[in-house]
């Protein structure tokens, strides 16, 4: 053997030695299987899990010889998936090994090809994520406790709001009777004092009403009534109520939407009026005496109507802009301007608009003015869904999942195809859809639904089509539009037609369902 050949052999030997050192010291179980399912190789961690001192005690055996029937079947299913798809397969599993330790694993399997392009063996890496799962479970329990506390808070606020509103209305009613009692007219001083009662009571009633609305939204108790409405008519109704408020401050209110013609929205007219009136009220409140407020509208390319309320008021400092929609934040640095504000109105408005599948934002310059805008979907916008009670099937876990999926879908609909955030939203949507399907299938099994296998098959088909569209998505507008419309169509139809049947079989098993779902991520 020549010097060059000896050096090459020596280098190869050193490379193999380094490779074996790395593999055997890796904290993951690394092993190979042949296409028939027999073990060909296992590193030190793999042998330790199998309570094997020598490779020969495992090599040559199958999963059936090393695991119980359930785990062996699951492993062979994953092997088959790798062989059939010739692609990587990643799963989270729970397995008990020969060392009697039960582990949560991230099981990764991938094909290893020969020179002819066939699958020569299956490469496998099992990562022990038990500690991570324990941390996730602790976090999940903490989040569930926080959700329970939040629901209790919302229920308390809703209850107290009702309790406060009834006596407040009585106080205001009696104060008005004092003012307009012809038999016993008030003196000038008495009338002024009653005016203070009415002003303070009215302000408190506004606060109570806003707290009640916020509690309803957070407690998922806000009922929406969707209709096809003309935006111009909604704005005109709001103008009737806003103009007298402007006259008190000598603020002119101009309706610039009148010249835009008819624009049809599918929305809740009452909640839209509430949102617009709050924006108009703020625009007047934080304006200058003799200032101007205008409301305008324009149709956007993505199927939304933008309604903008502009003022010539004090504006918003840059330092305050990030907290504008936070609860109890008061606009404006001058406390005399903000004395009437509750600090809840914009928070409620934001929640309302988002529940109506819309979006809200603003632009502002200090001492120049502010423009707050809301975007709402047109009636013919096929890319959004608005959650209403007609979609509620009566199982809290499934209803919550559906609301999250609809919120993610609407986030996607609000984002243009060129936006870098699209990939992240699509990923979140696909991941949560698969997670929801697993939860729903557990409920189907627990409730012994007669069509659960058909339901599972539908899940697989929907998931496959969704994944295919997501993979084809590479910034292409046409594929993006197809994906959004596909998601909207299947989600709505699946909720209304297929999922609605689950309630009948799950009735009376709510506690069992909660217990089973608590053990999965």
Protein backbone atom coordinates (compact mmCIF):
# COMPACT_ATOMS: atom_id res chain seq x y z
CA UNK A 1 0.00 0.00 0.00
CA UNK A 2 1.40 3.39 -1.01
CA UNK A 3 1.92 6.32 1.32
CA UNK A 4 -1.07 8.19 -0.15
CA UNK A 5 -3.36 5.18 0.28
CA UNK A 6 -2.19 4.67 3.87
CA UNK A 7 -2.79 8.34 4.68
CA UNK A 8 -6.23 8.17 3.11
CA UNK A 9 -7.11 5.05 5.09
CA UNK A 10 -5.77 6.65 8.26
CA UNK A 11 -7.85 9.82 7.65
CA UNK A 12 -10.97 7.76 7.00
CA UNK A 13 -10.37 5.81 10.19
CA UNK A 14 -9.99 8.99 12.21
CA UNK A 15 -13.15 10.46 10.61
CA UNK A 16 -15.14 7.30 11.43
CA UNK A 17 -13.80 7.35 15.00
CA UNK A 18 -14.85 11.00 15.44
CA UNK A 19 -18.25 10.20 13.92
CA UNK A 20 -18.81 7.27 16.31
CA UNK A 21 -17.69 9.40 19.26
CA UNK A 22 -20.20 12.13 18.35
CA UNK A 23 -23.05 9.68 17.72
CA UNK A 24 -22.44 7.63 20.86
CA UNK A 25 -22.16 10.70 23.08
CA UNK A 26 -25.29 12.31 21.66
CA UNK A 27 -28.09 12.55 24.28
CA UNK A 28 -30.63 11.45 21.61
CA UNK A 29 -31.43 7.88 20.58
CA UNK A 30 -30.03 7.51 17.06
CA UNK A 31 -30.67 4.28 15.16
CA UNK A 32 -31.17 2.73 11.72
CA UNK A 33 -33.83 0.30 10.52
CA UNK A 34 -34.02 -1.67 7.32
CA UNK A 35 -37.16 -1.38 5.13
CA UNK A 36 -38.50 -4.55 6.78
CA UNK A 37 -38.43 -2.85 10.17
CA UNK A 38 -35.39 -4.56 11.72
CA UNK A 39 -32.83 -2.57 13.70
CA UNK A 40 -29.46 -2.22 11.96
CA UNK A 41 -27.65 0.10 14.37
CA UNK A 42 -28.20 1.98 17.62
CA UNK A 43 -26.03 4.45 19.50
CA UNK A 44 -25.22 4.29 23.22
CA UNK A 45 -28.33 6.26 24.26
CA UNK A 46 -30.52 3.94 22.17
CA UNK A 47 -28.99 0.87 23.84
CA UNK A 48 -29.41 2.42 27.30
CA UNK A 49 -33.15 2.99 26.69
CA UNK A 50 -33.47 -0.61 25.56
CA UNK A 51 -31.55 -1.81 28.67
CA UNK A 52 -29.08 -3.48 26.31
CA UNK A 53 -25.37 -3.73 27.07
CA UNK A 54 -24.43 -5.02 23.63
CA UNK A 55 -25.78 -3.97 20.19
CA UNK A 56 -26.37 -7.65 19.29
CA UNK A 57 -29.17 -7.84 21.86
CA UNK A 58 -31.20 -5.36 19.81
CA UNK A 59 -29.80 -5.36 16.27
CA UNK A 60 -31.76 -7.70 14.04
CA UNK A 61 -34.94 -7.43 16.08
CA UNK A 62 -38.16 -5.64 15.13
CA UNK A 63 -40.28 -3.10 16.98
CA UNK A 64 -42.78 -5.86 17.80
CA UNK A 65 -40.07 -7.71 19.74
CA UNK A 66 -39.03 -4.62 21.69
CA UNK A 67 -42.31 -2.81 22.45
CA UNK A 68 -45.88 -3.56 23.42
CA UNK A 69 -48.43 -3.96 20.62
CA UNK A 70 -49.71 -0.35 20.69
CA UNK A 71 -46.25 1.29 20.53
CA UNK A 72 -44.99 -1.23 17.96
CA UNK A 73 -47.98 -0.55 15.69
CA UNK A 74 -47.42 3.21 15.96
CA UNK A 75 -43.72 2.84 15.12
CA UNK A 76 -44.44 0.65 12.11
CA UNK A 77 -47.04 3.15 10.88
CA UNK A 78 -44.37 5.84 10.96
CA UNK A 79 -41.91 3.54 9.14
CA UNK A 80 -44.53 2.90 6.45
CA UNK A 81 -45.22 6.64 6.10
CA UNK A 82 -41.50 7.31 5.47
CA UNK A 83 -41.27 4.51 2.91
CA UNK A 84 -44.42 5.61 1.06
CA UNK A 85 -43.84 9.37 1.05
CA UNK A 86 -40.01 9.11 0.81
CA UNK A 87 -39.99 12.15 3.07
CA UNK A 88 -39.26 13.14 6.67
CA UNK A 89 -41.90 12.22 9.26
CA UNK A 90 -41.94 14.02 12.63
CA UNK A 91 -44.28 13.07 15.47
CA UNK A 92 -44.70 13.63 19.19
CA UNK A 93 -45.20 10.28 20.93
CA UNK A 94 -45.16 8.72 24.41
CA UNK A 95 -43.30 5.40 24.75
CA UNK A 96 -42.19 3.08 27.52
CA UNK A 97 -38.83 1.44 26.84
CA UNK A 98 -37.15 -1.67 28.23
CA UNK A 99 -35.51 0.45 30.96
CA UNK A 100 -39.07 0.95 32.33
CA UNK A 101 -38.93 4.72 31.75
CA UNK A 102 -41.88 6.38 30.01
CA UNK A 103 -40.67 9.20 27.79
CA UNK A 104 -42.29 11.96 25.75
CA UNK A 105 -40.40 11.88 22.46
CA UNK A 106 -40.02 13.87 19.30
CA UNK A 107 -39.72 10.93 16.89
CA UNK A 108 -37.97 11.93 13.66
CA UNK A 109 -37.65 9.42 10.81
CA UNK A 110 -36.24 9.97 7.34
CA UNK A 111 -35.36 7.86 4.28
CA UNK A 112 -31.75 7.01 3.42
CA UNK A 113 -31.40 6.38 -0.31
CA UNK A 114 -29.05 4.02 -2.15
CA UNK A 115 -27.24 4.88 -5.39
CA UNK A 116 -30.20 3.66 -7.46
CA UNK A 117 -32.58 6.05 -5.66
CA UNK A 118 -34.33 3.38 -3.58
CA UNK A 119 -34.84 3.56 0.17
CA UNK A 120 -32.00 1.49 1.62
CA UNK A 121 -32.81 2.17 5.27
CA UNK A 122 -34.73 4.41 7.63
CA UNK A 123 -32.79 6.90 9.74
CA UNK A 124 -34.30 7.55 13.17
CA UNK A 125 -33.70 10.13 15.89
CA UNK A 126 -35.75 10.06 19.10
CA UNK A 127 -35.39 13.24 21.20
CA UNK A 128 -36.48 13.03 24.84
CA UNK A 129 -38.71 16.07 25.43
CA UNK A 130 -40.19 14.90 28.74
CA UNK A 131 -38.92 17.95 30.66
CA UNK A 132 -40.25 20.26 27.96
CA UNK A 133 -43.67 18.59 28.11
CA UNK A 134 -43.73 18.89 31.90
CA UNK A 135 -42.96 22.60 31.57
CA UNK A 136 -45.65 22.95 28.89
CA UNK A 137 -48.19 21.23 31.13
CA UNK A 138 -47.33 23.54 34.01
CA UNK A 139 -47.67 26.53 31.69
CA UNK A 140 -50.96 25.16 30.34
CA UNK A 141 -52.34 24.74 33.86
CA UNK A 142 -51.27 28.29 34.70
CA UNK A 143 -52.93 29.60 31.52
CA UNK A 144 -56.13 27.69 32.28
CA UNK A 145 -56.14 29.13 35.79
CA UNK A 146 -55.61 32.61 34.34
CA UNK A 147 -58.48 32.02 31.89
CA UNK A 148 -60.75 30.91 34.73
CA UNK A 149 -59.79 34.00 36.70
CA UNK A 150 -60.44 36.17 33.66
CA UNK A 151 -63.85 34.59 33.11
CA UNK A 152 -64.67 35.10 36.78
CA UNK A 153 -63.61 38.74 36.47
CA UNK A 154 -65.77 39.23 33.38
CA UNK A 155 -68.75 37.57 35.04
CA UNK A 156 -68.26 39.73 38.13
CA UNK A 157 -68.02 42.90 36.04
CA UNK A 158 -71.12 41.97 34.06
CA UNK A 159 -73.02 41.21 37.26
CA UNK A 160 -71.90 44.40 39.01
CA UNK A 161 -72.63 46.47 35.92
CA UNK A 162 -76.23 45.29 35.93
CA UNK A 163 -76.48 45.89 39.67
CA UNK A 164 -75.12 49.44 39.28
CA UNK A 165 -77.07 50.38 36.17
CA UNK A 166 -80.53 49.80 37.67
CA UNK A 167 -80.18 52.20 40.63
CA UNK A 168 -78.27 54.70 38.47
CA UNK A 169 -81.14 54.89 36.02
CA UNK A 170 -83.47 55.48 38.95
CA UNK A 171 -81.28 58.32 40.27
CA UNK A 172 -81.12 59.98 36.84
CA UNK A 173 -84.84 59.52 36.34
CA UNK A 174 -85.74 61.19 39.66
CA UNK A 175 -83.28 64.03 38.98
CA UNK A 176 -85.00 64.71 35.65
CA UNK A 177 -88.40 64.64 37.36
CA UNK A 178 -87.16 67.32 39.78
CA UNK A 179 -86.13 69.50 36.84
CA UNK A 180 -89.41 69.22 35.00
CA UNK A 181 -91.91 69.23 37.86
CA UNK A 182 -94.21 72.22 37.05
CA UNK A 183 -95.82 72.16 40.49
CA UNK A 184 -92.51 72.58 42.31
CA UNK A 185 -90.08 74.43 40.01
CA UNK A 186 -86.43 74.50 41.07
CA UNK A 187 -84.52 77.63 41.91
CA UNK A 188 -81.53 78.57 39.80
CA UNK A 189 -79.08 77.09 42.34
CA UNK A 190 -81.13 73.92 42.76
CA UNK A 191 -81.31 73.45 38.99
CA UNK A 192 -77.53 73.84 38.74
CA UNK A 193 -77.06 71.22 41.44
CA UNK A 194 -79.42 68.81 39.67
CA UNK A 195 -77.46 69.40 36.46
CA UNK A 196 -74.34 68.27 38.33
CA UNK A 197 -76.19 65.12 39.43
CA UNK A 198 -77.26 64.41 35.84
CA UNK A 199 -73.80 65.12 34.44
CA UNK A 200 -72.00 62.94 36.99
CA UNK A 201 -74.62 60.21 36.83
CA UNK A 202 -74.56 60.20 33.04
CA UNK A 203 -70.77 59.90 33.04
CA UNK A 204 -70.95 57.03 35.53
CA UNK A 205 -73.65 55.31 33.47
CA UNK A 206 -71.44 55.57 30.37
CA UNK A 207 -68.60 53.95 32.31
CA UNK A 208 -70.85 51.15 33.57
CA UNK A 209 -72.18 50.49 30.04
CA UNK A 210 -68.66 50.32 28.62
CA UNK A 211 -67.54 47.94 31.38
CA UNK A 212 -70.58 45.78 30.62
CA UNK A 213 -69.72 45.71 26.91
CA UNK A 214 -66.10 44.84 27.66
CA UNK A 215 -67.15 42.09 30.06
CA UNK A 216 -69.49 40.64 27.43
CA UNK A 217 -66.77 40.64 24.78
CA UNK A 218 -64.15 39.07 27.04
CA UNK A 219 -66.66 36.55 28.37
CA UNK A 220 -67.76 35.64 24.81
CA UNK A 221 -71.31 36.76 25.64
CA UNK A 222 -71.60 39.46 23.00
CA UNK A 223 -74.33 38.52 20.52
CA UNK A 224 -73.94 39.89 17.00
CA UNK A 225 -76.78 40.41 14.55
CA UNK A 226 -75.36 40.53 11.03
CA UNK A 227 -77.17 42.39 8.26
CA UNK A 228 -76.36 43.86 4.88
CA UNK A 229 -76.34 47.61 5.52
CA UNK A 230 -75.45 50.73 3.58
CA UNK A 231 -72.43 52.37 5.21
CA UNK A 232 -73.70 55.81 4.20
CA UNK A 233 -76.94 55.27 6.14
CA UNK A 234 -75.04 54.18 9.26
CA UNK A 235 -72.81 57.26 9.05
CA UNK A 236 -75.84 59.54 8.53
CA UNK A 237 -77.49 58.11 11.67
CA UNK A 238 -74.29 58.74 13.64
CA UNK A 239 -74.09 62.31 12.34
CA UNK A 240 -77.56 63.08 13.74
CA UNK A 241 -76.28 62.17 17.22
CA UNK A 242 -72.80 63.69 16.86
CA UNK A 243 -73.71 67.14 15.49
CA UNK A 244 -75.31 68.37 18.77
CA UNK A 245 -72.16 67.29 20.64
CA UNK A 246 -70.06 69.32 18.23
CA UNK A 247 -72.27 72.38 18.61
CA UNK A 248 -71.50 72.47 22.35
CA UNK A 249 -67.82 73.00 21.51
CA UNK A 250 -68.40 74.93 18.28
CA UNK A 251 -66.82 72.01 16.38
CA UNK A 252 -68.00 71.56 12.80
CA UNK A 253 -68.75 67.98 11.77
CA UNK A 254 -68.56 67.26 8.06
CA UNK A 255 -69.89 64.11 6.38
CA UNK A 256 -67.63 63.51 3.37
CA UNK A 257 -69.07 60.04 2.78
CA UNK A 258 -72.29 61.41 1.29
CA UNK A 259 -70.65 61.98 -2.09
CA UNK A 260 -69.16 58.45 -2.18
CA UNK A 261 -72.40 56.66 -3.07
CA UNK A 262 -73.74 53.42 -1.63
CA UNK A 263 -71.34 50.88 -0.11
CA UNK A 264 -72.84 47.67 1.31
CA UNK A 265 -71.33 46.01 4.37
CA UNK A 266 -72.27 42.78 6.11
CA UNK A 267 -72.02 43.74 9.75
CA UNK A 268 -73.89 44.42 12.98
CA UNK A 269 -75.34 47.93 12.46
CA UNK A 270 -75.80 48.57 16.21
CA UNK A 271 -72.19 47.70 17.05
CA UNK A 272 -70.86 49.64 14.07
CA UNK A 273 -72.78 52.73 15.20
CA UNK A 274 -71.37 52.26 18.70
CA UNK A 275 -67.80 52.15 17.34
CA UNK A 276 -68.26 55.15 15.04
CA UNK A 277 -69.97 57.24 17.73
CA UNK A 278 -67.09 56.57 20.09
CA UNK A 279 -64.57 57.76 17.47
CA UNK A 280 -66.70 60.84 16.69
CA UNK A 281 -67.14 61.59 20.40
CA UNK A 282 -63.38 61.38 20.99
CA UNK A 283 -62.70 63.56 17.92
CA UNK A 284 -64.99 66.25 19.38
CA UNK A 285 -63.80 65.84 22.95
CA UNK A 286 -60.12 66.23 22.13
CA UNK A 287 -60.63 68.96 19.53
CA UNK A 288 -60.15 72.70 19.82
CA UNK A 289 -63.08 75.08 20.18
CA UNK A 290 -64.01 76.05 16.65
CA UNK A 291 -62.25 73.00 15.22
CA UNK A 292 -63.40 70.49 12.63
CA UNK A 293 -64.21 66.77 12.48
CA UNK A 294 -64.72 64.96 9.19
CA UNK A 295 -65.75 61.41 8.39
CA UNK A 296 -64.82 59.92 5.03
CA UNK A 297 -64.72 56.51 3.39
CA UNK A 298 -63.00 54.65 0.58
CA UNK A 299 -63.06 51.07 -0.68
CA UNK A 300 -59.72 49.26 -0.38
CA UNK A 301 -58.31 46.76 -2.87
CA UNK A 302 -58.64 43.85 -0.42
CA UNK A 303 -62.44 44.09 -0.15
CA UNK A 304 -62.73 46.36 2.89
CA UNK A 305 -64.29 49.79 3.37
CA UNK A 306 -62.16 52.23 5.35
CA UNK A 307 -64.13 54.73 7.41
CA UNK A 308 -61.86 57.49 8.73
CA UNK A 309 -62.67 60.07 11.42
CA UNK A 310 -60.25 63.03 11.26
CA UNK A 311 -60.01 65.92 13.70
CA UNK A 312 -58.02 69.12 14.14
CA UNK A 313 -57.40 68.51 17.82
CA UNK A 314 -54.45 68.18 20.17
CA UNK A 315 -53.02 65.05 18.55
CA UNK A 316 -51.15 62.24 20.30
CA UNK A 317 -47.54 62.24 21.42
CA UNK A 318 -45.29 59.53 19.96
CA UNK A 319 -44.67 58.16 23.46
CA UNK A 320 -48.41 57.56 23.93
CA UNK A 321 -49.19 55.92 20.60
CA UNK A 322 -48.40 52.36 21.66
CA UNK A 323 -50.87 52.54 24.58
CA UNK A 324 -53.83 54.22 22.87
CA UNK A 325 -55.98 51.04 22.79
CA UNK A 326 -55.07 49.90 26.30
CA UNK A 327 -57.76 49.92 28.96
CA UNK A 328 -58.03 53.09 31.08
CA UNK A 329 -55.60 54.97 28.85
CA UNK A 330 -56.76 58.58 28.42
CA UNK A 331 -55.94 60.42 25.23
CA UNK A 332 -54.19 63.74 25.41
CA UNK A 333 -51.62 65.14 27.81
CA UNK A 334 -53.91 67.90 29.10
CA UNK A 335 -56.00 66.53 32.02
CA UNK A 336 -58.66 69.18 31.45
CA UNK A 337 -59.27 67.76 27.99
CA UNK A 338 -59.39 64.16 29.21
CA UNK A 339 -61.56 64.71 32.28
CA UNK A 340 -64.65 63.27 30.58
CA UNK A 341 -63.00 60.14 29.26
CA UNK A 342 -63.49 56.72 30.82
CA UNK A 343 -60.38 55.22 29.28
CA UNK A 344 -62.37 52.18 28.12
CA UNK A 345 -64.08 53.41 24.94
CA UNK A 346 -61.23 52.77 22.52
CA UNK A 347 -60.55 49.35 24.07
CA UNK A 348 -64.20 48.38 23.56
CA UNK A 349 -64.16 49.83 20.03
CA UNK A 350 -61.10 47.79 19.08
CA UNK A 351 -62.65 44.58 20.41
CA UNK A 352 -65.93 45.29 18.60
CA UNK A 353 -64.25 45.97 15.26
CA UNK A 354 -62.11 42.84 15.52
CA UNK A 355 -65.20 40.76 16.36
CA UNK A 356 -66.73 42.16 13.15
CA UNK A 357 -63.69 40.81 11.22
CA UNK A 358 -62.34 44.34 10.84
CA UNK A 359 -59.23 46.24 11.84
CA UNK A 360 -58.61 49.59 13.48
CA UNK A 361 -55.71 52.03 13.50
CA UNK A 362 -54.79 55.69 13.60
CA UNK A 363 -52.37 58.39 12.50
CA UNK A 364 -51.67 61.42 14.63
CA UNK A 365 -49.40 64.44 14.88
CA UNK A 366 -49.10 66.53 18.02
CA UNK A 367 -50.89 69.91 17.77
CA UNK A 368 -52.11 69.04 14.25
CA UNK A 369 -54.76 66.38 14.79
CA UNK A 370 -55.59 62.68 14.59
CA UNK A 371 -57.27 60.34 12.13
CA UNK A 372 -58.76 57.13 13.50
CA UNK A 373 -59.87 54.60 10.91
CA UNK A 374 -61.74 51.30 10.87
CA UNK A 375 -61.78 48.78 8.03
CA UNK A 376 -64.83 46.54 7.68
CA UNK A 377 -65.39 43.80 5.08
CA UNK A 378 -67.72 44.50 2.18
CA UNK A 379 -70.77 42.28 1.86
CA UNK A 380 -69.21 40.47 -1.12
CA UNK A 381 -65.86 39.86 0.61
CA UNK A 382 -65.51 36.07 0.55
CA UNK A 383 -62.25 35.93 2.49
CA UNK A 384 -63.51 36.63 6.02
CA UNK A 385 -65.74 34.97 8.59
CA UNK A 386 -67.55 36.66 11.46
CA UNK A 387 -68.18 34.52 14.52
CA UNK A 388 -71.82 34.54 15.56
CA UNK A 389 -73.97 32.34 17.78
CA UNK A 390 -75.18 30.45 14.69
CA UNK A 391 -71.70 28.85 14.57
CA UNK A 392 -71.72 27.81 18.23
CA UNK A 393 -72.11 24.05 18.59
CA UNK A 394 -72.29 24.01 22.40
CA UNK A 395 -68.99 22.32 23.30
CA UNK A 396 -66.70 24.93 24.85
CA UNK A 397 -63.39 23.42 23.67
CA UNK A 398 -64.52 23.11 20.04
CA UNK A 399 -66.21 26.52 20.01
CA UNK A 400 -63.03 28.11 21.40
CA UNK A 401 -60.93 26.37 18.72
CA UNK A 402 -63.27 27.57 15.99
CA UNK A 403 -63.06 31.16 17.23
CA UNK A 404 -59.24 31.00 17.25
CA UNK A 405 -59.20 29.56 13.72
CA UNK A 406 -61.58 32.28 12.49
CA UNK A 407 -59.40 34.95 14.13
CA UNK A 408 -56.29 33.51 12.42
CA UNK A 409 -58.13 33.33 9.09
CA UNK A 410 -59.16 36.98 9.41
CA UNK A 411 -55.59 37.98 10.29
CA UNK A 412 -54.55 36.29 7.05
CA UNK A 413 -57.31 38.09 5.15
CA UNK A 414 -56.08 41.41 6.56
CA UNK A 415 -52.55 40.80 5.28
CA UNK A 416 -51.44 41.43 1.70
CA UNK A 417 -49.67 38.59 -0.10
CA UNK A 418 -46.36 40.46 -0.16
CA UNK A 419 -46.27 40.92 3.62
CA UNK A 420 -43.49 38.87 5.31
CA UNK A 421 -45.95 38.01 8.12
CA UNK A 422 -48.05 35.84 5.76
CA UNK A 423 -45.76 32.80 6.13
CA UNK A 424 -45.97 32.97 9.91
CA UNK A 425 -49.77 33.30 9.94
CA UNK A 426 -50.17 30.41 7.47
CA UNK A 427 -47.90 28.28 9.66
CA UNK A 428 -49.90 29.13 12.80
CA UNK A 429 -53.15 28.40 11.00
CA UNK A 430 -51.99 25.01 9.70
CA UNK A 431 -50.55 24.01 13.10
CA UNK A 432 -53.66 25.04 15.02
CA UNK A 433 -55.94 23.30 12.51
CA UNK A 434 -54.12 20.00 13.05
CA UNK A 435 -54.18 20.55 16.82
CA UNK A 436 -57.92 21.25 16.66
CA UNK A 437 -58.51 18.10 14.61
CA UNK A 438 -56.71 15.98 17.24
CA UNK A 439 -58.80 17.51 20.04
CA UNK A 440 -62.01 17.05 18.10
CA UNK A 441 -61.18 13.42 17.32
CA UNK A 442 -60.61 12.72 21.02
CA UNK A 443 -64.07 14.14 21.71
CA UNK A 444 -65.53 12.02 18.89
CA UNK A 445 -64.03 8.86 20.44
CA UNK A 446 -65.11 9.78 23.97
CA UNK A 447 -68.68 10.49 22.85
CA UNK A 448 -68.74 7.33 20.69
CA UNK A 449 -69.87 9.29 17.66
CA UNK A 450 -71.16 6.78 15.06
CA UNK A 451 -69.55 8.63 12.12
CA UNK A 452 -66.18 9.32 13.74
CA UNK A 453 -64.17 7.41 11.14
CA UNK A 454 -65.83 9.38 8.35
CA UNK A 455 -65.17 12.56 10.33
CA UNK A 456 -61.49 11.55 10.69
CA UNK A 457 -61.22 10.94 6.97
CA UNK A 458 -62.64 14.39 6.28
CA UNK A 459 -60.04 15.87 8.63
CA UNK A 460 -57.26 14.09 6.74
CA UNK A 461 -58.51 15.32 3.38
CA UNK A 462 -58.88 18.89 4.59
CA UNK A 463 -55.46 18.83 6.23
CA UNK A 464 -53.82 17.40 3.11
CA UNK A 465 -55.38 20.01 0.81
CA UNK A 466 -54.51 22.82 3.21
CA UNK A 467 -50.89 21.62 3.45
CA UNK A 468 -50.62 21.31 -0.32
CA UNK A 469 -51.82 24.88 -0.85
CA UNK A 470 -49.54 26.15 1.94
CA UNK A 471 -46.52 24.43 0.36
CA UNK A 472 -47.32 25.89 -3.08
CA UNK A 473 -47.55 29.35 -1.55
CA UNK A 474 -44.40 31.29 -2.42
CA UNK A 475 -45.65 34.85 -2.52
CA UNK A 476 -48.00 34.06 -5.41
CA UNK A 477 -51.20 36.13 -5.16
CA UNK A 478 -53.39 33.59 -6.96
CA UNK A 479 -52.37 30.70 -4.68
CA UNK A 480 -52.72 32.99 -1.66
CA UNK A 481 -56.29 33.88 -2.67
CA UNK A 482 -57.14 30.20 -3.24
CA UNK A 483 -55.76 29.29 0.18
CA UNK A 484 -57.73 31.99 2.00
CA UNK A 485 -61.00 31.11 0.22
CA UNK A 486 -60.48 27.39 0.74
CA UNK A 487 -59.90 27.91 4.46
CA UNK A 488 -62.97 30.14 4.79
CA UNK A 489 -65.23 27.74 2.89
CA UNK A 490 -64.22 24.53 4.64
CA UNK A 491 -64.16 26.13 8.08
CA UNK A 492 -67.69 27.53 7.75
CA UNK A 493 -69.17 24.44 6.14
CA UNK A 494 -67.36 22.08 8.52
CA UNK A 495 -68.71 23.97 11.55
CA UNK A 496 -72.27 24.29 10.30
CA UNK A 497 -72.76 20.84 8.78
CA UNK A 498 -70.34 18.34 10.34
CA UNK A 499 -69.30 19.64 13.75
CA UNK A 500 -72.85 20.62 14.70
CA UNK A 501 -73.67 16.90 15.01
CA UNK A 502 -71.12 16.31 17.78
CA UNK A 503 -73.12 18.09 20.49
CA UNK A 504 -75.87 15.45 20.48
CA UNK A 505 -73.45 12.63 21.33
CA UNK A 506 -71.22 14.64 23.70
CA UNK A 507 -74.07 15.92 25.86
CA UNK A 508 -73.58 15.05 29.53
CA UNK A 509 -69.89 14.21 29.08
CA UNK A 510 -68.49 17.72 29.52
CA UNK A 511 -66.35 16.87 32.57
CA UNK A 512 -64.85 13.80 30.88
CA UNK A 513 -64.06 15.89 27.80
CA UNK A 514 -62.33 18.58 29.88
CA UNK A 515 -60.30 15.92 31.70
CA UNK A 516 -59.16 14.19 28.49
CA UNK A 517 -58.26 17.45 26.71
CA UNK A 518 -56.29 18.68 29.74
CA UNK A 519 -53.70 15.96 29.06
CA UNK A 520 -52.90 17.10 25.55
CA UNK A 521 -51.18 20.27 24.45
